[in-house]
Amino acid sequence: MKPIYEVRAWQEDGWWLARITGASGDADLTPVNALTHARSLNQIEQVVRDLVAMILDLDEGAFDVEVEYVLPRDVDLLVCEAIGAQTWLEAARELVRERASAAARALSEQGFSRREAATLLGLSDRRLDQLLRGDVGGGLSV
């Protein structure tokens, strides 16, 4: 298992600052408290990797980085709610795929035509065929 460096990142004066705040038990603690910065959020992980690799003279793939983003409280709450809603939505989509697939098979086994099964499930003929073939990826388009 690779050592993990924990990072806290926040925005200040148009920059993103990142401080290495901790490390897993098997990690070298030397980089802890090191600080770096980037102009954009999507650069943070890379600049932290560069910093740790430079301090420890390691390859960037020799360790992992976990970043905690510090946001204003009201914004942080909204972001957490959005992430939670996305997680629920993905779980609901998976449940719909599983149940629709089971229902499609059961209707087919009971002798319902594909068109009847599609109509009963509110699916397109194509999507019903996908479910019956076991292709449960993709959305449930009507």
N, C-alpha and C. Protein backbone atom coordinates (compact mmCIF):
# COMPACT_ATOMS: atom_id res chain seq x y z
N MET A 1 0.84 -1.18 0.00
CA MET A 1 0.00 0.00 0.00
C MET A 1 0.89 1.25 0.00
N LYS A 2 0.52 2.22 -0.82
CA LYS A 2 1.30 3.46 -0.92
C LYS A 2 1.06 4.36 0.29
N PRO A 3 2.09 5.08 0.71
CA PRO A 3 1.87 6.09 1.76
C PRO A 3 0.92 7.17 1.24
N ILE A 4 0.16 7.75 2.16
CA ILE A 4 -0.80 8.79 1.80
C ILE A 4 -0.45 10.08 2.52
N TYR A 5 -0.45 11.17 1.78
CA TYR A 5 -0.23 12.49 2.36
C TYR A 5 -1.55 13.25 2.35
N GLU A 6 -1.94 13.75 3.52
CA GLU A 6 -3.19 14.48 3.67
C GLU A 6 -2.90 15.97 3.48
N VAL A 7 -3.77 16.61 2.72
CA VAL A 7 -3.56 18.00 2.34
C VAL A 7 -4.82 18.80 2.61
N ARG A 8 -4.66 20.00 3.08
CA ARG A 8 -5.77 20.93 3.24
C ARG A 8 -5.52 22.08 2.28
N ALA A 9 -6.51 22.38 1.43
CA ALA A 9 -6.37 23.44 0.42
C ALA A 9 -7.46 24.49 0.61
N TRP A 10 -7.10 25.75 0.42
CA TRP A 10 -8.05 26.84 0.55
C TRP A 10 -7.66 27.97 -0.39
N GLN A 11 -8.64 28.82 -0.68
CA GLN A 11 -8.40 29.93 -1.58
C GLN A 11 -8.11 31.19 -0.78
N GLU A 12 -7.10 31.93 -1.25
CA GLU A 12 -6.72 33.16 -0.57
C GLU A 12 -6.09 34.12 -1.57
N ASP A 13 -6.65 35.30 -1.66
CA ASP A 13 -6.14 36.35 -2.54
C ASP A 13 -5.92 35.87 -3.98
N GLY A 14 -6.87 35.12 -4.49
CA GLY A 14 -6.80 34.67 -5.88
C GLY A 14 -5.91 33.46 -6.12
N TRP A 15 -5.33 32.91 -5.07
CA TRP A 15 -4.48 31.72 -5.18
C TRP A 15 -5.13 30.59 -4.41
N TRP A 16 -4.80 29.37 -4.79
CA TRP A 16 -5.14 28.20 -3.98
C TRP A 16 -3.89 27.80 -3.22
N LEU A 17 -3.98 27.76 -1.90
CA LEU A 17 -2.87 27.36 -1.05
C LEU A 17 -3.13 25.94 -0.56
N ALA A 18 -2.09 25.18 -0.38
CA ALA A 18 -2.22 23.80 0.07
C ALA A 18 -1.12 23.49 1.08
N ARG A 19 -1.53 22.98 2.22
CA ARG A 19 -0.59 22.59 3.27
C ARG A 19 -0.72 21.10 3.49
N ILE A 20 0.40 20.42 3.56
CA ILE A 20 0.40 19.00 3.89
C ILE A 20 0.22 18.91 5.40
N THR A 21 -0.89 18.31 5.81
CA THR A 21 -1.27 18.34 7.23
C THR A 21 -1.03 17.03 7.95
N GLY A 22 -0.81 15.96 7.22
CA GLY A 22 -0.62 14.68 7.87
C GLY A 22 -0.18 13.63 6.87
N ALA A 23 0.12 12.46 7.42
CA ALA A 23 0.56 11.35 6.57
C ALA A 23 0.17 10.04 7.22
N SER A 24 0.00 9.03 6.38
CA SER A 24 -0.33 7.71 6.90
C SER A 24 0.85 7.18 7.70
N GLY A 25 0.58 6.15 8.49
CA GLY A 25 1.58 5.60 9.40
C GLY A 25 2.87 5.17 8.73
N ASP A 26 2.81 4.73 7.47
CA ASP A 26 4.00 4.24 6.79
C ASP A 26 4.69 5.32 5.95
N ALA A 27 4.25 6.56 6.08
CA ALA A 27 4.80 7.65 5.27
C ALA A 27 5.91 8.40 6.01
N ASP A 28 6.84 8.93 5.26
CA ASP A 28 7.88 9.80 5.80
C ASP A 28 7.21 11.12 6.19
N LEU A 29 7.40 11.58 7.41
CA LEU A 29 6.73 12.78 7.90
C LEU A 29 7.42 14.08 7.50
N THR A 30 8.55 14.00 6.84
CA THR A 30 9.30 15.20 6.46
C THR A 30 8.46 16.26 5.75
N PRO A 31 7.59 15.90 4.78
CA PRO A 31 6.84 16.95 4.08
C PRO A 31 5.69 17.59 4.87
N VAL A 32 5.35 17.01 6.03
CA VAL A 32 4.23 17.56 6.80
C VAL A 32 4.52 19.01 7.17
N ASN A 33 3.53 19.84 6.96
CA ASN A 33 3.55 21.29 7.17
C ASN A 33 4.12 22.06 5.99
N ALA A 34 4.59 21.38 4.96
CA ALA A 34 5.05 22.08 3.77
C ALA A 34 3.85 22.76 3.11
N LEU A 35 4.09 23.91 2.51
CA LEU A 35 3.03 24.71 1.90
C LEU A 35 3.37 24.97 0.45
N THR A 36 2.37 24.90 -0.41
CA THR A 36 2.56 25.22 -1.82
C THR A 36 1.34 25.98 -2.31
N HIS A 37 1.37 26.41 -3.55
CA HIS A 37 0.26 27.20 -4.08
C HIS A 37 0.07 26.93 -5.57
N ALA A 38 -1.12 27.28 -6.05
CA ALA A 38 -1.44 27.15 -7.47
C ALA A 38 -2.46 28.22 -7.83
N ARG A 39 -2.51 28.55 -9.10
CA ARG A 39 -3.47 29.56 -9.57
C ARG A 39 -4.88 28.98 -9.67
N SER A 40 -4.99 27.67 -9.92
CA SER A 40 -6.33 27.09 -10.07
C SER A 40 -6.46 25.82 -9.24
N LEU A 41 -7.70 25.53 -8.90
CA LEU A 41 -8.03 24.37 -8.08
C LEU A 41 -7.55 23.06 -8.71
N ASN A 42 -7.72 22.94 -10.02
CA ASN A 42 -7.36 21.67 -10.66
C ASN A 42 -5.85 21.45 -10.74
N GLN A 43 -5.04 22.38 -10.28
CA GLN A 43 -3.59 22.21 -10.25
C GLN A 43 -3.09 21.77 -8.87
N ILE A 44 -3.94 21.84 -7.87
CA ILE A 44 -3.50 21.60 -6.49
C ILE A 44 -2.86 20.24 -6.30
N GLU A 45 -3.53 19.18 -6.72
CA GLU A 45 -2.98 17.84 -6.50
C GLU A 45 -1.60 17.71 -7.15
N GLN A 46 -1.44 18.24 -8.35
CA GLN A 46 -0.16 18.11 -9.03
C GLN A 46 0.95 18.90 -8.34
N VAL A 47 0.66 20.11 -7.87
CA VAL A 47 1.71 20.88 -7.20
C VAL A 47 2.08 20.25 -5.87
N VAL A 48 1.11 19.63 -5.19
CA VAL A 48 1.42 18.92 -3.95
C VAL A 48 2.29 17.70 -4.26
N ARG A 49 1.93 16.95 -5.30
CA ARG A 49 2.74 15.79 -5.70
C ARG A 49 4.17 16.22 -6.03
N ASP A 50 4.29 17.30 -6.78
CA ASP A 50 5.62 17.82 -7.12
C ASP A 50 6.41 18.17 -5.86
N LEU A 51 5.75 18.81 -4.90
CA LEU A 51 6.41 19.22 -3.66
C LEU A 51 6.89 18.01 -2.85
N VAL A 52 6.00 17.05 -2.63
CA VAL A 52 6.37 15.86 -1.85
C VAL A 52 7.48 15.09 -2.56
N ALA A 53 7.35 14.92 -3.87
CA ALA A 53 8.37 14.19 -4.63
C ALA A 53 9.72 14.89 -4.53
N MET A 54 9.71 16.22 -4.59
CA MET A 54 10.96 16.97 -4.51
C MET A 54 11.58 16.85 -3.10
N ILE A 55 10.77 17.03 -2.07
CA ILE A 55 11.28 16.96 -0.69
C ILE A 55 11.86 15.58 -0.39
N LEU A 56 11.17 14.53 -0.83
CA LEU A 56 11.59 13.17 -0.50
C LEU A 56 12.44 12.50 -1.58
N ASP A 57 12.63 13.19 -2.70
CA ASP A 57 13.38 12.65 -3.84
C ASP A 57 12.77 11.31 -4.25
N LEU A 58 11.45 11.33 -4.49
CA LEU A 58 10.69 10.15 -4.89
C LEU A 58 10.00 10.38 -6.22
N ASP A 59 9.59 9.30 -6.84
CA ASP A 59 8.73 9.38 -8.01
C ASP A 59 7.33 9.78 -7.54
N GLU A 60 6.62 10.59 -8.33
CA GLU A 60 5.28 11.05 -7.95
C GLU A 60 4.28 9.92 -7.80
N GLY A 61 4.55 8.78 -8.38
CA GLY A 61 3.64 7.64 -8.27
C GLY A 61 3.88 6.79 -7.04
N ALA A 62 4.86 7.16 -6.22
CA ALA A 62 5.23 6.35 -5.07
C ALA A 62 4.35 6.61 -3.84
N PHE A 63 3.45 7.57 -3.94
CA PHE A 63 2.59 7.93 -2.81
C PHE A 63 1.27 8.45 -3.35
N ASP A 64 0.28 8.52 -2.47
CA ASP A 64 -1.02 9.08 -2.83
C ASP A 64 -1.25 10.36 -2.06
N VAL A 65 -2.17 11.17 -2.57
CA VAL A 65 -2.51 12.45 -1.96
C VAL A 65 -4.02 12.51 -1.77
N GLU A 66 -4.45 12.91 -0.58
CA GLU A 66 -5.87 13.14 -0.30
C GLU A 66 -6.04 14.60 0.05
N VAL A 67 -6.84 15.30 -0.74
CA VAL A 67 -7.02 16.74 -0.56
C VAL A 67 -8.38 17.04 0.06
N GLU A 68 -8.37 17.82 1.11
CA GLU A 68 -9.60 18.35 1.73
C GLU A 68 -9.66 19.83 1.35
N TYR A 69 -10.74 20.22 0.71
CA TYR A 69 -10.90 21.61 0.29
C TYR A 69 -11.67 22.36 1.35
N VAL A 70 -11.11 23.47 1.81
CA VAL A 70 -11.75 24.29 2.82
C VAL A 70 -12.50 25.41 2.10
N LEU A 71 -13.81 25.44 2.30
CA LEU A 71 -14.67 26.42 1.65
C LEU A 71 -15.42 27.21 2.72
N PRO A 72 -15.96 28.37 2.35
CA PRO A 72 -16.82 29.08 3.32
C PRO A 72 -17.96 28.15 3.74
N ARG A 73 -18.37 28.24 5.00
CA ARG A 73 -19.32 27.31 5.59
C ARG A 73 -20.60 27.15 4.76
N ASP A 74 -21.20 28.26 4.30
CA ASP A 74 -22.45 28.15 3.55
C ASP A 74 -22.24 27.46 2.21
N VAL A 75 -21.11 27.75 1.56
CA VAL A 75 -20.81 27.11 0.29
C VAL A 75 -20.47 25.64 0.51
N ASP A 76 -19.72 25.35 1.55
CA ASP A 76 -19.35 23.97 1.87
C ASP A 76 -20.60 23.12 2.08
N LEU A 77 -21.59 23.66 2.77
CA LEU A 77 -22.84 22.94 3.01
C LEU A 77 -23.54 22.63 1.68
N LEU A 78 -23.60 23.63 0.79
CA LEU A 78 -24.24 23.42 -0.51
C LEU A 78 -23.49 22.38 -1.34
N VAL A 79 -22.17 22.42 -1.32
CA VAL A 79 -21.37 21.44 -2.06
C VAL A 79 -21.62 20.04 -1.50
N CYS A 80 -21.63 19.90 -0.19
CA CYS A 80 -21.90 18.59 0.43
C CYS A 80 -23.28 18.09 0.07
N GLU A 81 -24.27 18.98 0.07
CA GLU A 81 -25.62 18.58 -0.31
C GLU A 81 -25.68 18.13 -1.77
N ALA A 82 -24.97 18.85 -2.64
CA ALA A 82 -24.95 18.49 -4.07
C ALA A 82 -24.29 17.13 -4.27
N ILE A 83 -23.19 16.88 -3.58
CA ILE A 83 -22.50 15.60 -3.68
C ILE A 83 -23.40 14.48 -3.14
N GLY A 84 -24.07 14.74 -2.03
CA GLY A 84 -24.99 13.76 -1.46
C GLY A 84 -26.14 13.45 -2.42
N ALA A 85 -26.67 14.49 -3.04
CA ALA A 85 -27.77 14.29 -4.00
C ALA A 85 -27.30 13.49 -5.20
N GLN A 86 -26.08 13.76 -5.67
CA GLN A 86 -25.53 13.01 -6.80
C GLN A 86 -25.36 11.54 -6.43
N THR A 87 -24.91 11.27 -5.24
CA THR A 87 -24.74 9.90 -4.77
C THR A 87 -26.09 9.18 -4.72
N TRP A 88 -27.11 9.85 -4.19
CA TRP A 88 -28.46 9.27 -4.16
C TRP A 88 -28.97 9.02 -5.57
N LEU A 89 -28.74 9.98 -6.48
CA LEU A 89 -29.21 9.84 -7.85
C LEU A 89 -28.57 8.63 -8.53
N GLU A 90 -27.26 8.46 -8.35
CA GLU A 90 -26.57 7.31 -8.94
C GLU A 90 -27.11 6.00 -8.37
N ALA A 91 -27.37 5.98 -7.06
CA ALA A 91 -27.92 4.77 -6.44
C ALA A 91 -29.33 4.50 -6.98
N ALA A 92 -30.12 5.55 -7.15
CA ALA A 92 -31.47 5.38 -7.68
C ALA A 92 -31.42 4.87 -9.12
N ARG A 93 -30.51 5.40 -9.92
CA ARG A 93 -30.38 4.93 -11.31
C ARG A 93 -30.01 3.45 -11.35
N GLU A 94 -29.11 3.05 -10.47
CA GLU A 94 -28.71 1.65 -10.43
C GLU A 94 -29.88 0.77 -10.01
N LEU A 95 -30.66 1.21 -9.04
CA LEU A 95 -31.84 0.46 -8.60
C LEU A 95 -32.85 0.35 -9.74
N VAL A 96 -33.06 1.43 -10.48
CA VAL A 96 -33.99 1.39 -11.62
C VAL A 96 -33.50 0.39 -12.65
N ARG A 97 -32.21 0.41 -12.96
CA ARG A 97 -31.66 -0.55 -13.93
C ARG A 97 -31.86 -1.99 -13.47
N GLU A 98 -31.56 -2.25 -12.22
CA GLU A 98 -31.72 -3.61 -11.69
C GLU A 98 -33.17 -4.07 -11.72
N ARG A 99 -34.09 -3.23 -11.24
CA ARG A 99 -35.50 -3.60 -11.17
C ARG A 99 -36.11 -3.71 -12.57
N ALA A 100 -35.76 -2.79 -13.46
CA ALA A 100 -36.30 -2.84 -14.82
C ALA A 100 -35.81 -4.09 -15.54
N SER A 101 -34.56 -4.45 -15.31
CA SER A 101 -34.00 -5.65 -15.93
C SER A 101 -34.73 -6.89 -15.41
N ALA A 102 -34.94 -6.96 -14.11
CA ALA A 102 -35.65 -8.11 -13.52
C ALA A 102 -37.09 -8.16 -14.03
N ALA A 103 -37.73 -7.02 -14.09
CA ALA A 103 -39.11 -6.97 -14.58
C ALA A 103 -39.19 -7.36 -16.05
N ALA A 104 -38.23 -6.91 -16.85
CA ALA A 104 -38.22 -7.25 -18.28
C ALA A 104 -38.08 -8.76 -18.47
N ARG A 105 -37.18 -9.37 -17.71
CA ARG A 105 -37.00 -10.83 -17.80
C ARG A 105 -38.27 -11.56 -17.35
N ALA A 106 -38.86 -11.11 -16.24
CA ALA A 106 -40.07 -11.76 -15.72
C ALA A 106 -41.22 -11.65 -16.73
N LEU A 107 -41.39 -10.49 -17.33
CA LEU A 107 -42.45 -10.32 -18.32
C LEU A 107 -42.21 -11.21 -19.53
N SER A 108 -40.96 -11.29 -19.96
CA SER A 108 -40.61 -12.13 -21.11
C SER A 108 -40.89 -13.60 -20.79
N GLU A 109 -40.50 -14.04 -19.58
CA GLU A 109 -40.72 -15.43 -19.17
C GLU A 109 -42.21 -15.76 -19.04
N GLN A 110 -43.03 -14.76 -18.77
CA GLN A 110 -44.47 -14.96 -18.64
C GLN A 110 -45.18 -14.90 -19.99
N GLY A 111 -44.41 -14.71 -21.07
CA GLY A 111 -44.98 -14.73 -22.40
C GLY A 111 -45.43 -13.39 -22.95
N PHE A 112 -45.15 -12.31 -22.25
CA PHE A 112 -45.49 -11.00 -22.79
C PHE A 112 -44.57 -10.71 -23.97
N SER A 113 -45.12 -10.07 -24.99
CA SER A 113 -44.29 -9.69 -26.14
C SER A 113 -43.31 -8.59 -25.71
N ARG A 114 -42.27 -8.41 -26.49
CA ARG A 114 -41.31 -7.35 -26.18
C ARG A 114 -41.99 -5.98 -26.20
N ARG A 115 -42.85 -5.77 -27.16
CA ARG A 115 -43.55 -4.48 -27.25
C ARG A 115 -44.44 -4.27 -26.02
N GLU A 116 -45.14 -5.31 -25.57
CA GLU A 116 -45.97 -5.20 -24.37
C GLU A 116 -45.11 -4.91 -23.14
N ALA A 117 -44.01 -5.62 -23.02
CA ALA A 117 -43.11 -5.41 -21.87
C ALA A 117 -42.56 -3.99 -21.88
N ALA A 118 -42.16 -3.51 -23.05
CA ALA A 118 -41.63 -2.15 -23.16
C ALA A 118 -42.69 -1.14 -22.75
N THR A 119 -43.91 -1.34 -23.21
CA THR A 119 -45.00 -0.42 -22.87
C THR A 119 -45.27 -0.44 -21.37
N LEU A 120 -45.35 -1.63 -20.78
CA LEU A 120 -45.62 -1.75 -19.34
C LEU A 120 -44.53 -1.09 -18.50
N LEU A 121 -43.28 -1.16 -18.96
CA LEU A 121 -42.17 -0.59 -18.20
C LEU A 121 -41.86 0.86 -18.57
N GLY A 122 -42.54 1.36 -19.59
CA GLY A 122 -42.29 2.74 -20.00
C GLY A 122 -40.94 2.92 -20.67
N LEU A 123 -40.50 1.87 -21.39
CA LEU A 123 -39.19 1.89 -22.03
C LEU A 123 -39.34 1.84 -23.55
N SER A 124 -38.29 2.24 -24.22
CA SER A 124 -38.26 2.06 -25.66
C SER A 124 -37.99 0.59 -25.95
N ASP A 125 -38.35 0.14 -27.16
CA ASP A 125 -38.07 -1.24 -27.55
C ASP A 125 -36.57 -1.51 -27.48
N ARG A 126 -35.79 -0.56 -27.90
CA ARG A 126 -34.33 -0.71 -27.90
C ARG A 126 -33.79 -0.90 -26.48
N ARG A 127 -34.27 -0.08 -25.54
CA ARG A 127 -33.78 -0.18 -24.17
C ARG A 127 -34.21 -1.51 -23.55
N LEU A 128 -35.42 -1.96 -23.86
CA LEU A 128 -35.87 -3.25 -23.36
C LEU A 128 -34.95 -4.36 -23.88
N ASP A 129 -34.60 -4.30 -25.17
CA ASP A 129 -33.69 -5.30 -25.73
C ASP A 129 -32.35 -5.27 -25.01
N GLN A 130 -31.84 -4.08 -24.69
CA GLN A 130 -30.58 -3.97 -23.96
C GLN A 130 -30.69 -4.64 -22.60
N LEU A 131 -31.77 -4.39 -21.91
CA LEU A 131 -31.97 -5.00 -20.58
C LEU A 131 -32.05 -6.51 -20.67
N LEU A 132 -32.75 -7.02 -21.66
CA LEU A 132 -32.89 -8.46 -21.81
C LEU A 132 -31.58 -9.12 -22.22
N ARG A 133 -30.70 -8.38 -22.89
CA ARG A 133 -29.37 -8.91 -23.26
C ARG A 133 -28.39 -8.81 -22.10
N GLY A 134 -28.80 -8.11 -21.05
CA GLY A 134 -27.90 -7.95 -19.91
C GLY A 134 -27.04 -6.71 -19.99
N ASP A 135 -27.29 -5.86 -20.96
CA ASP A 135 -26.56 -4.59 -21.09
C ASP A 135 -27.27 -3.56 -20.22
N VAL A 136 -26.89 -3.51 -18.94
CA VAL A 136 -27.59 -2.62 -18.01
C VAL A 136 -26.92 -1.27 -17.88
N GLY A 137 -25.88 -1.01 -18.64
CA GLY A 137 -25.27 0.31 -18.63
C GLY A 137 -26.17 1.29 -19.35
N GLY A 138 -25.87 2.55 -19.21
CA GLY A 138 -26.65 3.56 -19.92
C GLY A 138 -27.95 3.86 -19.20
N GLY A 139 -28.61 4.89 -19.67
CA GLY A 139 -29.84 5.34 -19.04
C GLY A 139 -31.05 4.53 -19.47
N LEU A 140 -32.13 4.78 -18.83
CA LEU A 140 -33.37 4.11 -19.17
C LEU A 140 -34.21 5.05 -20.00
N SER A 141 -33.82 5.21 -21.25
CA SER A 141 -34.54 6.12 -22.11
C SER A 141 -35.88 5.50 -22.52
N VAL A 142 -36.84 6.35 -22.62
CA VAL A 142 -38.18 5.91 -23.00
C VAL A 142 -38.30 5.88 -24.49
